[in-house]
Amino acid sequence: ELQCIADVCATLKPRYHFSRSDGAFFEREPFFHMPTEEDQNV
């Protein structure tokens, strides 16, 4: 797990973030990003 990947995801706020692993499946609960001044109720 890398901080720079976390920074990319937190900055881009994609609808889906896909990654891979050798033998493990993992689906996290959806997480929301804090509203910003530009998108105050989003």
PDB file of all heavy atoms in Angstrom:
ATOM      1  N   GLU A   1       0.856  -1.187   0.000  1.00  0.00           N
ATOM      2  CA  GLU A   1       0.000   0.000   0.000  1.00  0.00           C
ATOM      3  C   GLU A   1       0.891   1.235   0.000  1.00  0.00           C
ATOM      4  O   GLU A   1       1.770   1.372   0.841  1.00  0.00           O
ATOM      5  CB  GLU A   1      -0.915  -0.004   1.223  1.00  0.00           C
ATOM      6  CG  GLU A   1      -1.861  -1.190   1.272  1.00  0.00           C
ATOM      7  CD  GLU A   1      -2.800  -1.140   2.469  1.00  0.00           C
ATOM      8  OE1 GLU A   1      -2.770  -0.134   3.203  1.00  0.00           O
ATOM      9  OE2 GLU A   1      -3.564  -2.099   2.658  1.00  0.00           O
ATOM     10  N   LEU A   2       0.631   2.153  -0.917  1.00  0.00           N
ATOM     11  CA  LEU A   2       1.511   3.303  -1.101  1.00  0.00           C
ATOM     12  C   LEU A   2       0.774   4.616  -0.883  1.00  0.00           C
ATOM     13  O   LEU A   2      -0.387   4.771  -1.302  1.00  0.00           O
ATOM     14  CB  LEU A   2       2.116   3.303  -2.503  1.00  0.00           C
ATOM     15  CG  LEU A   2       2.966   2.076  -2.873  1.00  0.00           C
ATOM     16  CD1 LEU A   2       3.527   2.240  -4.264  1.00  0.00           C
ATOM     17  CD2 LEU A   2       4.094   1.890  -1.871  1.00  0.00           C
ATOM     18  N   GLN A   3       1.468   5.567  -0.264  1.00  0.00           N
ATOM     19  CA  GLN A   3       0.876   6.871  -0.006  1.00  0.00           C
ATOM     20  C   GLN A   3       0.597   7.633  -1.299  1.00  0.00           C
ATOM     21  O   GLN A   3      -0.427   8.304  -1.420  1.00  0.00           O
ATOM     22  CB  GLN A   3       1.808   7.703   0.886  1.00  0.00           C
ATOM     23  CG  GLN A   3       1.234   9.059   1.284  1.00  0.00           C
ATOM     24  CD  GLN A   3      -0.068   8.928   2.061  1.00  0.00           C
ATOM     25  OE1 GLN A   3      -0.140   8.178   3.024  1.00  0.00           O
ATOM     26  NE2 GLN A   3      -1.096   9.658   1.635  1.00  0.00           N
ATOM     27  N   CYS A   4       1.494   7.515  -2.285  1.00  0.00           N
ATOM     28  CA  CYS A   4       1.273   8.276  -3.517  1.00  0.00           C
ATOM     29  C   CYS A   4       0.028   7.798  -4.255  1.00  0.00           C
ATOM     30  O   CYS A   4      -0.665   8.590  -4.901  1.00  0.00           O
ATOM     31  CB  CYS A   4       2.499   8.219  -4.422  1.00  0.00           C
ATOM     32  SG  CYS A   4       2.886   6.596  -5.072  1.00  0.00           S
ATOM     33  N   ILE A   5      -0.302   6.495  -4.164  1.00  0.00           N
ATOM     34  CA  ILE A   5      -1.544   5.991  -4.770  1.00  0.00           C
ATOM     35  C   ILE A   5      -2.749   6.543  -4.013  1.00  0.00           C
ATOM     36  O   ILE A   5      -3.764   6.918  -4.607  1.00  0.00           O
ATOM     37  CB  ILE A   5      -1.571   4.452  -4.770  1.00  0.00           C
ATOM     38  CG1 ILE A   5      -0.388   3.888  -5.549  1.00  0.00           C
ATOM     39  CG2 ILE A   5      -2.888   3.937  -5.349  1.00  0.00           C
ATOM     40  CD1 ILE A   5      -0.436   4.126  -7.023  1.00  0.00           C
ATOM     41  N   ALA A   6      -2.629   6.614  -2.679  1.00  0.00           N
ATOM     42  CA  ALA A   6      -3.704   7.207  -1.876  1.00  0.00           C
ATOM     43  C   ALA A   6      -3.907   8.660  -2.260  1.00  0.00           C
ATOM     44  O   ALA A   6      -5.050   9.136  -2.370  1.00  0.00           O
ATOM     45  CB  ALA A   6      -3.378   7.085  -0.386  1.00  0.00           C
ATOM     46  N   ASP A   7      -2.820   9.386  -2.486  1.00  0.00           N
ATOM     47  CA  ASP A   7      -2.925  10.793  -2.869  1.00  0.00           C
ATOM     48  C   ASP A   7      -3.622  10.957  -4.216  1.00  0.00           C
ATOM     49  O   ASP A   7      -4.412  11.873  -4.414  1.00  0.00           O
ATOM     50  CB  ASP A   7      -1.533  11.428  -2.928  1.00  0.00           C
ATOM     51  CG  ASP A   7      -0.879  11.530  -1.558  1.00  0.00           C
ATOM     52  OD1 ASP A   7      -1.612  11.449  -0.550  1.00  0.00           O
ATOM     53  OD2 ASP A   7       0.356  11.680  -1.497  1.00  0.00           O
ATOM     54  N   VAL A   8      -3.312  10.051  -5.149  1.00  0.00           N
ATOM     55  CA  VAL A   8      -3.964  10.110  -6.465  1.00  0.00           C
ATOM     56  C   VAL A   8      -5.465   9.881  -6.331  1.00  0.00           C
ATOM     57  O   VAL A   8      -6.279  10.628  -6.885  1.00  0.00           O
ATOM     58  CB  VAL A   8      -3.337   9.077  -7.427  1.00  0.00           C
ATOM     59  CG1 VAL A   8      -4.166   8.954  -8.702  1.00  0.00           C
ATOM     60  CG2 VAL A   8      -1.911   9.464  -7.775  1.00  0.00           C
ATOM     61  N   CYS A   9      -5.833   8.835  -5.582  1.00  0.00           N
ATOM     62  CA  CYS A   9      -7.262   8.528  -5.413  1.00  0.00           C
ATOM     63  C   CYS A   9      -7.986   9.662  -4.685  1.00  0.00           C
ATOM     64  O   CYS A   9      -9.078  10.062  -5.076  1.00  0.00           O
ATOM     65  CB  CYS A   9      -7.431   7.214  -4.653  1.00  0.00           C
ATOM     66  SG  CYS A   9      -9.153   6.682  -4.513  1.00  0.00           S
ATOM     67  N   ALA A  10      -7.378  10.189  -3.628  1.00  0.00           N
ATOM     68  CA  ALA A  10      -8.015  11.253  -2.862  1.00  0.00           C
ATOM     69  C   ALA A  10      -8.153  12.531  -3.681  1.00  0.00           C
ATOM     70  O   ALA A  10      -9.101  13.297  -3.490  1.00  0.00           O
ATOM     71  CB  ALA A  10      -7.212  11.535  -1.593  1.00  0.00           C
ATOM     72  N   THR A  11      -7.223  12.757  -4.597  1.00  0.00           N
ATOM     73  CA  THR A  11      -7.270  13.968  -5.422  1.00  0.00           C
ATOM     74  C   THR A  11      -8.256  13.828  -6.572  1.00  0.00           C
ATOM     75  O   THR A  11      -9.047  14.733  -6.847  1.00  0.00           O
ATOM     76  CB  THR A  11      -5.864  14.283  -5.974  1.00  0.00           C
ATOM     77  OG1 THR A  11      -4.968  14.460  -4.887  1.00  0.00           O
ATOM     78  CG2 THR A  11      -5.890  15.558  -6.805  1.00  0.00           C
ATOM     79  N   LEU A  12      -8.226  12.684  -7.263  1.00  0.00           N
ATOM     80  CA  LEU A  12      -9.085  12.490  -8.437  1.00  0.00           C
ATOM     81  C   LEU A  12     -10.523  12.134  -8.066  1.00  0.00           C
ATOM     82  O   LEU A  12     -11.441  12.376  -8.839  1.00  0.00           O
ATOM     83  CB  LEU A  12      -8.503  11.408  -9.349  1.00  0.00           C
ATOM     84  CG  LEU A  12      -7.088  11.648  -9.889  1.00  0.00           C
ATOM     85  CD1 LEU A  12      -6.752  10.594 -10.942  1.00  0.00           C
ATOM     86  CD2 LEU A  12      -6.953  13.035 -10.475  1.00  0.00           C
ATOM     87  N   LYS A  13     -10.707  11.505  -6.911  1.00  0.00           N
ATOM     88  CA  LYS A  13     -12.048  11.099  -6.457  1.00  0.00           C
ATOM     89  C   LYS A  13     -12.798  10.310  -7.541  1.00  0.00           C
ATOM     90  O   LYS A  13     -13.902  10.681  -7.963  1.00  0.00           O
ATOM     91  CB  LYS A  13     -12.874  12.318  -6.034  1.00  0.00           C
ATOM     92  CG  LYS A  13     -12.239  13.140  -4.926  1.00  0.00           C
ATOM     93  CD  LYS A  13     -13.082  14.376  -4.624  1.00  0.00           C
ATOM     94  CE  LYS A  13     -12.511  15.176  -3.467  1.00  0.00           C
ATOM     95  NZ  LYS A  13     -11.168  15.728  -3.753  1.00  0.00           N
ATOM     96  N   PRO A  14     -12.237   9.207  -8.014  1.00  0.00           N
ATOM     97  CA  PRO A  14     -12.905   8.439  -9.078  1.00  0.00           C
ATOM     98  C   PRO A  14     -14.166   7.753  -8.574  1.00  0.00           C
ATOM     99  O   PRO A  14     -14.307   7.485  -7.374  1.00  0.00           O
ATOM    100  CB  PRO A  14     -11.839   7.402  -9.451  1.00  0.00           C
ATOM    101  CG  PRO A  14     -11.084   7.188  -8.176  1.00  0.00           C
ATOM    102  CD  PRO A  14     -11.019   8.552  -7.525  1.00  0.00           C
ATOM    103  N   ARG A  15     -15.038   7.434  -9.482  1.00  0.00           N
ATOM    104  CA  ARG A  15     -16.236   6.662  -9.108  1.00  0.00           C
ATOM    105  C   ARG A  15     -15.837   5.224  -8.768  1.00  0.00           C
ATOM    106  O   ARG A  15     -16.397   4.620  -7.855  1.00  0.00           O
ATOM    107  CB  ARG A  15     -17.257   6.667 -10.246  1.00  0.00           C
ATOM    108  CG  ARG A  15     -17.842   8.057 -10.557  1.00  0.00           C
ATOM    109  CD  ARG A  15     -18.782   7.976 -11.743  1.00  0.00           C
ATOM    110  NE  ARG A  15     -19.225   9.276 -12.196  1.00  0.00           N
ATOM    111  CZ  ARG A  15     -20.379   9.863 -11.855  1.00  0.00           C
ATOM    112  NH1 ARG A  15     -21.198   9.234 -11.033  1.00  0.00           N
ATOM    113  NH2 ARG A  15     -20.714  11.045 -12.327  1.00  0.00           N
ATOM    114  N   TYR A  16     -14.881   4.690  -9.515  1.00  0.00           N
ATOM    115  CA  TYR A  16     -14.355   3.344  -9.254  1.00  0.00           C
ATOM    116  C   TYR A  16     -12.833   3.399  -9.250  1.00  0.00           C
ATOM    117  O   TYR A  16     -12.223   4.084 -10.079  1.00  0.00           O
ATOM    118  CB  TYR A  16     -14.802   2.345 -10.331  1.00  0.00           C
ATOM    119  CG  TYR A  16     -16.237   1.904 -10.216  1.00  0.00           C
ATOM    120  CD1 TYR A  16     -17.263   2.645 -10.794  1.00  0.00           C
ATOM    121  CD2 TYR A  16     -16.580   0.742  -9.519  1.00  0.00           C
ATOM    122  CE1 TYR A  16     -18.591   2.247 -10.697  1.00  0.00           C
ATOM    123  CE2 TYR A  16     -17.902   0.330  -9.418  1.00  0.00           C
ATOM    124  CZ  TYR A  16     -18.899   1.094 -10.004  1.00  0.00           C
ATOM    125  OH  TYR A  16     -20.210   0.693  -9.903  1.00  0.00           O
ATOM    126  N   HIS A  17     -12.229   2.680  -8.318  1.00  0.00           N
ATOM    127  CA  HIS A  17     -10.776   2.508  -8.285  1.00  0.00           C
ATOM    128  C   HIS A  17     -10.513   1.007  -8.291  1.00  0.00           C
ATOM    129  O   HIS A  17     -10.853   0.307  -7.333  1.00  0.00           O
ATOM    130  CB  HIS A  17     -10.186   3.167  -7.034  1.00  0.00           C
ATOM    131  CG  HIS A  17      -8.696   3.050  -6.939  1.00  0.00           C
ATOM    132  ND1 HIS A  17      -7.965   3.679  -5.943  1.00  0.00           N
ATOM    133  CD2 HIS A  17      -7.788   2.384  -7.704  1.00  0.00           C
ATOM    134  CE1 HIS A  17      -6.681   3.409  -6.113  1.00  0.00           C
ATOM    135  NE2 HIS A  17      -6.554   2.613  -7.160  1.00  0.00           N
ATOM    136  N   PHE A  18      -9.916   0.530  -9.385  1.00  0.00           N
ATOM    137  CA  PHE A  18      -9.615  -0.896  -9.510  1.00  0.00           C
ATOM    138  C   PHE A  18      -8.114  -1.139  -9.326  1.00  0.00           C
ATOM    139  O   PHE A  18      -7.281  -0.382  -9.831  1.00  0.00           O
ATOM    140  CB  PHE A  18     -10.031  -1.422 -10.884  1.00  0.00           C
ATOM    141  CG  PHE A  18     -11.514  -1.583 -11.050  1.00  0.00           C
ATOM    142  CD1 PHE A  18     -12.256  -0.620 -11.708  1.00  0.00           C
ATOM    143  CD2 PHE A  18     -12.169  -2.693 -10.528  1.00  0.00           C
ATOM    144  CE1 PHE A  18     -13.625  -0.750 -11.867  1.00  0.00           C
ATOM    145  CE2 PHE A  18     -13.544  -2.839 -10.679  1.00  0.00           C
ATOM    146  CZ  PHE A  18     -14.272  -1.866 -11.349  1.00  0.00           C
ATOM    147  N   SER A  19      -7.802  -2.211  -8.603  1.00  0.00           N
ATOM    148  CA  SER A  19      -6.423  -2.651  -8.456  1.00  0.00           C
ATOM    149  C   SER A  19      -6.406  -4.169  -8.537  1.00  0.00           C
ATOM    150  O   SER A  19      -7.444  -4.800  -8.748  1.00  0.00           O
ATOM    151  CB  SER A  19      -5.830  -2.152  -7.137  1.00  0.00           C
ATOM    152  OG  SER A  19      -4.434  -2.379  -7.096  1.00  0.00           O
ATOM    153  N   ARG A  20      -5.199  -4.756  -8.379  1.00  0.00           N
ATOM    154  CA  ARG A  20      -5.099  -6.198  -8.515  1.00  0.00           C
ATOM    155  C   ARG A  20      -4.296  -6.770  -7.367  1.00  0.00           C
ATOM    156  O   ARG A  20      -3.572  -6.079  -6.646  1.00  0.00           O
ATOM    157  CB  ARG A  20      -4.456  -6.597  -9.850  1.00  0.00           C
ATOM    158  CG  ARG A  20      -3.272  -5.764 -10.315  1.00  0.00           C
ATOM    159  CD  ARG A  20      -1.988  -5.917  -9.584  1.00  0.00           C
ATOM    160  NE  ARG A  20      -1.535  -7.267  -9.391  1.00  0.00           N
ATOM    161  CZ  ARG A  20      -0.620  -7.615  -8.512  1.00  0.00           C
ATOM    162  NH1 ARG A  20      -0.075  -6.692  -7.726  1.00  0.00           N
ATOM    163  NH2 ARG A  20      -0.245  -8.853  -8.368  1.00  0.00           N
ATOM    164  N   SER A  21      -4.465  -8.067  -7.167  1.00  0.00           N
ATOM    165  CA  SER A  21      -3.663  -8.809  -6.194  1.00  0.00           C
ATOM    166  C   SER A  21      -3.506 -10.225  -6.742  1.00  0.00           C
ATOM    167  O   SER A  21      -4.229 -10.626  -7.652  1.00  0.00           O
ATOM    168  CB  SER A  21      -4.337  -8.823  -4.818  1.00  0.00           C
ATOM    169  OG  SER A  21      -5.637  -9.360  -4.913  1.00  0.00           O
ATOM    170  N   ASP A  22      -2.584 -10.965  -6.196  1.00  0.00           N
ATOM    171  CA  ASP A  22      -2.313 -12.290  -6.761  1.00  0.00           C
ATOM    172  C   ASP A  22      -3.479 -13.256  -6.565  1.00  0.00           C
ATOM    173  O   ASP A  22      -3.918 -13.913  -7.489  1.00  0.00           O
ATOM    174  CB  ASP A  22      -1.039 -12.866  -6.139  1.00  0.00           C
ATOM    175  CG  ASP A  22       0.204 -12.103  -6.574  1.00  0.00           C
ATOM    176  OD1 ASP A  22       0.178 -11.546  -7.687  1.00  0.00           O
ATOM    177  OD2 ASP A  22       1.165 -12.041  -5.803  1.00  0.00           O
ATOM    178  N   GLY A  23      -3.965 -13.370  -5.327  1.00  0.00           N
ATOM    179  CA  GLY A  23      -5.015 -14.355  -5.080  1.00  0.00           C
ATOM    180  C   GLY A  23      -6.166 -13.835  -4.254  1.00  0.00           C
ATOM    181  O   GLY A  23      -7.053 -14.604  -3.884  1.00  0.00           O
ATOM    182  N   ALA A  24      -6.176 -12.552  -3.949  1.00  0.00           N
ATOM    183  CA  ALA A  24      -7.182 -12.020  -3.028  1.00  0.00           C
ATOM    184  C   ALA A  24      -8.186 -11.124  -3.746  1.00  0.00           C
ATOM    185  O   ALA A  24      -7.825 -10.340  -4.624  1.00  0.00           O
ATOM    186  CB  ALA A  24      -6.504 -11.231  -1.906  1.00  0.00           C
ATOM    187  N   PHE A  25      -9.434 -11.279  -3.353  1.00  0.00           N
ATOM    188  CA  PHE A  25     -10.484 -10.355  -3.801  1.00  0.00           C
ATOM    189  C   PHE A  25     -10.823  -9.443  -2.632  1.00  0.00           C
ATOM    190  O   PHE A  25     -10.966  -9.886  -1.496  1.00  0.00           O
ATOM    191  CB  PHE A  25     -11.735 -11.125  -4.227  1.00  0.00           C
ATOM    192  CG  PHE A  25     -12.926 -10.232  -4.484  1.00  0.00           C
ATOM    193  CD1 PHE A  25     -13.081  -9.592  -5.702  1.00  0.00           C
ATOM    194  CD2 PHE A  25     -13.879 -10.019  -3.492  1.00  0.00           C
ATOM    195  CE1 PHE A  25     -14.163  -8.764  -5.943  1.00  0.00           C
ATOM    196  CE2 PHE A  25     -14.968  -9.191  -3.719  1.00  0.00           C
ATOM    197  CZ  PHE A  25     -15.111  -8.558  -4.950  1.00  0.00           C
ATOM    198  N   PHE A  26     -10.943  -8.172  -2.901  1.00  0.00           N
ATOM    199  CA  PHE A  26     -11.313  -7.220  -1.853  1.00  0.00           C
ATOM    200  C   PHE A  26     -12.188  -6.137  -2.446  1.00  0.00           C
ATOM    201  O   PHE A  26     -11.819  -5.492  -3.432  1.00  0.00           O
ATOM    202  CB  PHE A  26     -10.077  -6.583  -1.217  1.00  0.00           C
ATOM    203  CG  PHE A  26     -10.402  -5.567  -0.147  1.00  0.00           C
ATOM    204  CD1 PHE A  26     -10.949  -5.961   1.068  1.00  0.00           C
ATOM    205  CD2 PHE A  26     -10.183  -4.222  -0.362  1.00  0.00           C
ATOM    206  CE1 PHE A  26     -11.254  -5.030   2.049  1.00  0.00           C
ATOM    207  CE2 PHE A  26     -10.483  -3.270   0.613  1.00  0.00           C
ATOM    208  CZ  PHE A  26     -11.017  -3.680   1.820  1.00  0.00           C
ATOM    209  N   GLU A  27     -13.369  -5.970  -1.863  1.00  0.00           N
ATOM    210  CA  GLU A  27     -14.254  -4.873  -2.251  1.00  0.00           C
ATOM    211  C   GLU A  27     -14.589  -4.091  -0.990  1.00  0.00           C
ATOM    212  O   GLU A  27     -15.253  -4.600  -0.095  1.00  0.00           O
ATOM    213  CB  GLU A  27     -15.529  -5.376  -2.923  1.00  0.00           C
ATOM    214  CG  GLU A  27     -16.451  -4.246  -3.361  1.00  0.00           C
ATOM    215  CD  GLU A  27     -17.625  -4.719  -4.199  1.00  0.00           C
ATOM    216  OE1 GLU A  27     -17.811  -5.946  -4.322  1.00  0.00           O
ATOM    217  OE2 GLU A  27     -18.364  -3.861  -4.725  1.00  0.00           O
ATOM    218  N   ARG A  28     -14.103  -2.883  -0.936  1.00  0.00           N
ATOM    219  CA  ARG A  28     -14.327  -2.048   0.234  1.00  0.00           C
ATOM    220  C   ARG A  28     -15.714  -1.416   0.173  1.00  0.00           C
ATOM    221  O   ARG A  28     -16.273  -1.214  -0.906  1.00  0.00           O
ATOM    222  CB  ARG A  28     -13.268  -0.926   0.259  1.00  0.00           C
ATOM    223  CG  ARG A  28     -13.221  -0.171   1.578  1.00  0.00           C
ATOM    224  CD  ARG A  28     -12.481   1.153   1.404  1.00  0.00           C
ATOM    225  NE  ARG A  28     -12.250   1.793   2.680  1.00  0.00           N
ATOM    226  CZ  ARG A  28     -13.188   2.435   3.382  1.00  0.00           C
ATOM    227  NH1 ARG A  28     -14.408   2.534   2.912  1.00  0.00           N
ATOM    228  NH2 ARG A  28     -12.893   2.985   4.544  1.00  0.00           N
ATOM    229  N   GLU A  29     -16.262  -1.084   1.341  1.00  0.00           N
ATOM    230  CA  GLU A  29     -17.490  -0.296   1.351  1.00  0.00           C
ATOM    231  C   GLU A  29     -17.231   1.006   0.578  1.00  0.00           C
ATOM    232  O   GLU A  29     -16.140   1.570   0.650  1.00  0.00           O
ATOM    233  CB  GLU A  29     -17.917   0.081   2.772  1.00  0.00           C
ATOM    234  CG  GLU A  29     -18.179  -1.101   3.682  1.00  0.00           C
ATOM    235  CD  GLU A  29     -16.975  -1.499   4.494  1.00  0.00           C
ATOM    236  OE1 GLU A  29     -15.834  -1.315   3.998  1.00  0.00           O
ATOM    237  OE2 GLU A  29     -17.150  -2.001   5.608  1.00  0.00           O
ATOM    238  N   PRO A  30     -18.200   1.490  -0.186  1.00  0.00           N
ATOM    239  CA  PRO A  30     -17.999   2.774  -0.873  1.00  0.00           C
ATOM    240  C   PRO A  30     -17.630   3.854   0.144  1.00  0.00           C
ATOM    241  O   PRO A  30     -18.146   3.854   1.263  1.00  0.00           O
ATOM    242  CB  PRO A  30     -19.360   3.055  -1.506  1.00  0.00           C
ATOM    243  CG  PRO A  30     -20.035   1.725  -1.588  1.00  0.00           C
ATOM    244  CD  PRO A  30     -19.542   0.937  -0.414  1.00  0.00           C
ATOM    245  N   PHE A  31     -16.726   4.741  -0.224  1.00  0.00           N
ATOM    246  CA  PHE A  31     -16.380   5.828   0.688  1.00  0.00           C
ATOM    247  C   PHE A  31     -16.613   7.176   0.006  1.00  0.00           C
ATOM    248  O   PHE A  31     -16.412   7.330  -1.194  1.00  0.00           O
ATOM    249  CB  PHE A  31     -14.950   5.704   1.216  1.00  0.00           C
ATOM    250  CG  PHE A  31     -13.871   5.608   0.175  1.00  0.00           C
ATOM    251  CD1 PHE A  31     -13.299   6.745  -0.380  1.00  0.00           C
ATOM    252  CD2 PHE A  31     -13.394   4.371  -0.231  1.00  0.00           C
ATOM    253  CE1 PHE A  31     -12.291   6.656  -1.320  1.00  0.00           C
ATOM    254  CE2 PHE A  31     -12.372   4.270  -1.170  1.00  0.00           C
ATOM    255  CZ  PHE A  31     -11.828   5.413  -1.720  1.00  0.00           C
ATOM    256  N   PHE A  32     -17.069   8.127   0.799  1.00  0.00           N
ATOM    257  CA  PHE A  32     -17.374   9.446   0.250  1.00  0.00           C
ATOM    258  C   PHE A  32     -16.267  10.433   0.603  1.00  0.00           C
ATOM    259  O   PHE A  32     -15.596  10.311   1.617  1.00  0.00           O
ATOM    260  CB  PHE A  32     -18.724   9.964   0.751  1.00  0.00           C
ATOM    261  CG  PHE A  32     -18.824  10.093   2.244  1.00  0.00           C
ATOM    262  CD1 PHE A  32     -18.431  11.259   2.894  1.00  0.00           C
ATOM    263  CD2 PHE A  32     -19.326   9.055   3.022  1.00  0.00           C
ATOM    264  CE1 PHE A  32     -18.518  11.377   4.268  1.00  0.00           C
ATOM    265  CE2 PHE A  32     -19.421   9.162   4.393  1.00  0.00           C
ATOM    266  CZ  PHE A  32     -19.016  10.336   5.019  1.00  0.00           C
ATOM    267  N   HIS A  33     -16.107  11.407  -0.280  1.00  0.00           N
ATOM    268  CA  HIS A  33     -15.132  12.465  -0.078  1.00  0.00           C
ATOM    269  C   HIS A  33     -15.855  13.704   0.441  1.00  0.00           C
ATOM    270  O   HIS A  33     -17.004  13.969   0.086  1.00  0.00           O
ATOM    271  CB  HIS A  33     -14.414  12.790  -1.384  1.00  0.00           C
ATOM    272  CG  HIS A  33     -13.757  11.605  -2.021  1.00  0.00           C
ATOM    273  ND1 HIS A  33     -12.457  11.245  -1.779  1.00  0.00           N
ATOM    274  CD2 HIS A  33     -14.245  10.674  -2.886  1.00  0.00           C
ATOM    275  CE1 HIS A  33     -12.157  10.162  -2.470  1.00  0.00           C
ATOM    276  NE2 HIS A  33     -13.221   9.792  -3.145  1.00  0.00           N
ATOM    277  N   MET A  34     -15.173  14.471   1.265  1.00  0.00           N
ATOM    278  CA  MET A  34     -15.772  15.672   1.833  1.00  0.00           C
ATOM    279  C   MET A  34     -16.155  16.667   0.739  1.00  0.00           C
ATOM    280  O   MET A  34     -15.403  16.858  -0.221  1.00  0.00           O
ATOM    281  CB  MET A  34     -14.788  16.352   2.783  1.00  0.00           C
ATOM    282  CG  MET A  34     -14.597  15.625   4.091  1.00  0.00           C
ATOM    283  SD  MET A  34     -16.054  15.744   5.125  1.00  0.00           S
ATOM    284  CE  MET A  34     -16.742  14.166   4.969  1.00  0.00           C
ATOM    285  N   PRO A  35     -17.316  17.313   0.861  1.00  0.00           N
ATOM    286  CA  PRO A  35     -17.666  18.375  -0.090  1.00  0.00           C
ATOM    287  C   PRO A  35     -16.607  19.478  -0.081  1.00  0.00           C
ATOM    288  O   PRO A  35     -15.925  19.704   0.915  1.00  0.00           O
ATOM    289  CB  PRO A  35     -19.008  18.894   0.441  1.00  0.00           C
ATOM    290  CG  PRO A  35     -19.567  17.757   1.238  1.00  0.00           C
ATOM    291  CD  PRO A  35     -18.383  17.080   1.849  1.00  0.00           C
ATOM    292  N   THR A  36     -16.468  20.145  -1.212  1.00  0.00           N
ATOM    293  CA  THR A  36     -15.502  21.229  -1.342  1.00  0.00           C
ATOM    294  C   THR A  36     -16.235  22.540  -1.551  1.00  0.00           C
ATOM    295  O   THR A  36     -17.462  22.571  -1.700  1.00  0.00           O
ATOM    296  CB  THR A  36     -14.572  20.979  -2.539  1.00  0.00           C
ATOM    297  OG1 THR A  36     -15.358  20.967  -3.746  1.00  0.00           O
ATOM    298  CG2 THR A  36     -13.854  19.643  -2.388  1.00  0.00           C
ATOM    299  N   GLU A  37     -15.493  23.631  -1.590  1.00  0.00           N
ATOM    300  CA  GLU A  37     -16.114  24.932  -1.829  1.00  0.00           C
ATOM    301  C   GLU A  37     -16.769  24.965  -3.206  1.00  0.00           C
ATOM    302  O   GLU A  37     -17.785  25.614  -3.404  1.00  0.00           O
ATOM    303  CB  GLU A  37     -15.061  26.044  -1.725  1.00  0.00           C
ATOM    304  CG  GLU A  37     -14.510  26.241  -0.315  1.00  0.00           C
ATOM    305  CD  GLU A  37     -15.577  26.688   0.676  1.00  0.00           C
ATOM    306  OE1 GLU A  37     -16.549  27.344   0.237  1.00  0.00           O
ATOM    307  OE2 GLU A  37     -15.458  26.377   1.866  1.00  0.00           O
ATOM    308  N   GLU A  38     -16.168  24.252  -4.178  1.00  0.00           N
ATOM    309  CA  GLU A  38     -16.737  24.234  -5.532  1.00  0.00           C
ATOM    310  C   GLU A  38     -17.989  23.358  -5.591  1.00  0.00           C
ATOM    311  O   GLU A  38     -18.921  23.666  -6.329  1.00  0.00           O
ATOM    312  CB  GLU A  38     -15.701  23.710  -6.536  1.00  0.00           C
ATOM    313  CG  GLU A  38     -14.486  24.612  -6.734  1.00  0.00           C
ATOM    314  CD  GLU A  38     -13.491  24.506  -5.586  1.00  0.00           C
ATOM    315  OE1 GLU A  38     -13.517  23.483  -4.865  1.00  0.00           O
ATOM    316  OE2 GLU A  38     -12.711  25.457  -5.391  1.00  0.00           O
ATOM    317  N   ASP A  39     -17.988  22.249  -4.848  1.00  0.00           N
ATOM    318  CA  ASP A  39     -19.143  21.332  -4.819  1.00  0.00           C
ATOM    319  C   ASP A  39     -19.617  21.214  -3.377  1.00  0.00           C
ATOM    320  O   ASP A  39     -19.333  20.232  -2.686  1.00  0.00           O
ATOM    321  CB  ASP A  39     -18.742  19.957  -5.365  1.00  0.00           C
ATOM    322  CG  ASP A  39     -18.266  20.025  -6.800  1.00  0.00           C
ATOM    323  OD1 ASP A  39     -18.993  20.578  -7.623  1.00  0.00           O
ATOM    324  OD2 ASP A  39     -17.165  19.524  -7.085  1.00  0.00           O
ATOM    325  N   GLN A  40     -20.354  22.221  -2.926  1.00  0.00           N
ATOM    326  CA  GLN A  40     -20.641  22.333  -1.499  1.00  0.00           C
ATOM    327  C   GLN A  40     -21.639  21.314  -0.987  1.00  0.00           C
ATOM    328  O   GLN A  40     -21.685  21.018   0.186  1.00  0.00           O
ATOM    329  CB  GLN A  40     -21.125  23.751  -1.186  1.00  0.00           C
ATOM    330  CG  GLN A  40     -20.036  24.798  -1.358  1.00  0.00           C
ATOM    331  CD  GLN A  40     -20.444  26.134  -0.794  1.00  0.00           C
ATOM    332  OE1 GLN A  40     -21.564  26.322  -0.318  1.00  0.00           O
ATOM    333  NE2 GLN A  40     -19.545  27.089  -0.844  1.00  0.00           N
ATOM    334  N   ASN A  41     -22.464  20.780  -1.844  1.00  0.00           N
ATOM    335  CA  ASN A  41     -23.462  19.819  -1.369  1.00  0.00           C
ATOM    336  C   ASN A  41     -23.346  18.517  -2.140  1.00  0.00           C
ATOM    337  O   ASN A  41     -24.337  17.871  -2.432  1.00  0.00           O
ATOM    338  CB  ASN A  41     -24.870  20.404  -1.512  1.00  0.00           C
ATOM    339  CG  ASN A  41     -25.881  19.668  -0.650  1.00  0.00           C
ATOM    340  OD1 ASN A  41     -25.545  19.150   0.413  1.00  0.00           O
ATOM    341  ND2 ASN A  41     -27.116  19.595  -1.108  1.00  0.00           N
ATOM    342  N   VAL A  42     -22.099  18.148  -2.447  1.00  0.00           N
ATOM    343  CA  VAL A  42     -21.850  16.952  -3.253  1.00  0.00           C
ATOM    344  C   VAL A  42     -20.901  16.026  -2.504  1.00  0.00           C
ATOM    345  O   VAL A  42     -19.821  16.444  -2.090  1.00  0.00           O
ATOM    346  CB  VAL A  42     -21.242  17.327  -4.625  1.00  0.00           C
ATOM    347  CG1 VAL A  42     -20.825  16.080  -5.384  1.00  0.00           C
ATOM    348  CG2 VAL A  42     -22.243  18.127  -5.444  1.00  0.00           C
TER     349      VAL A  42
END
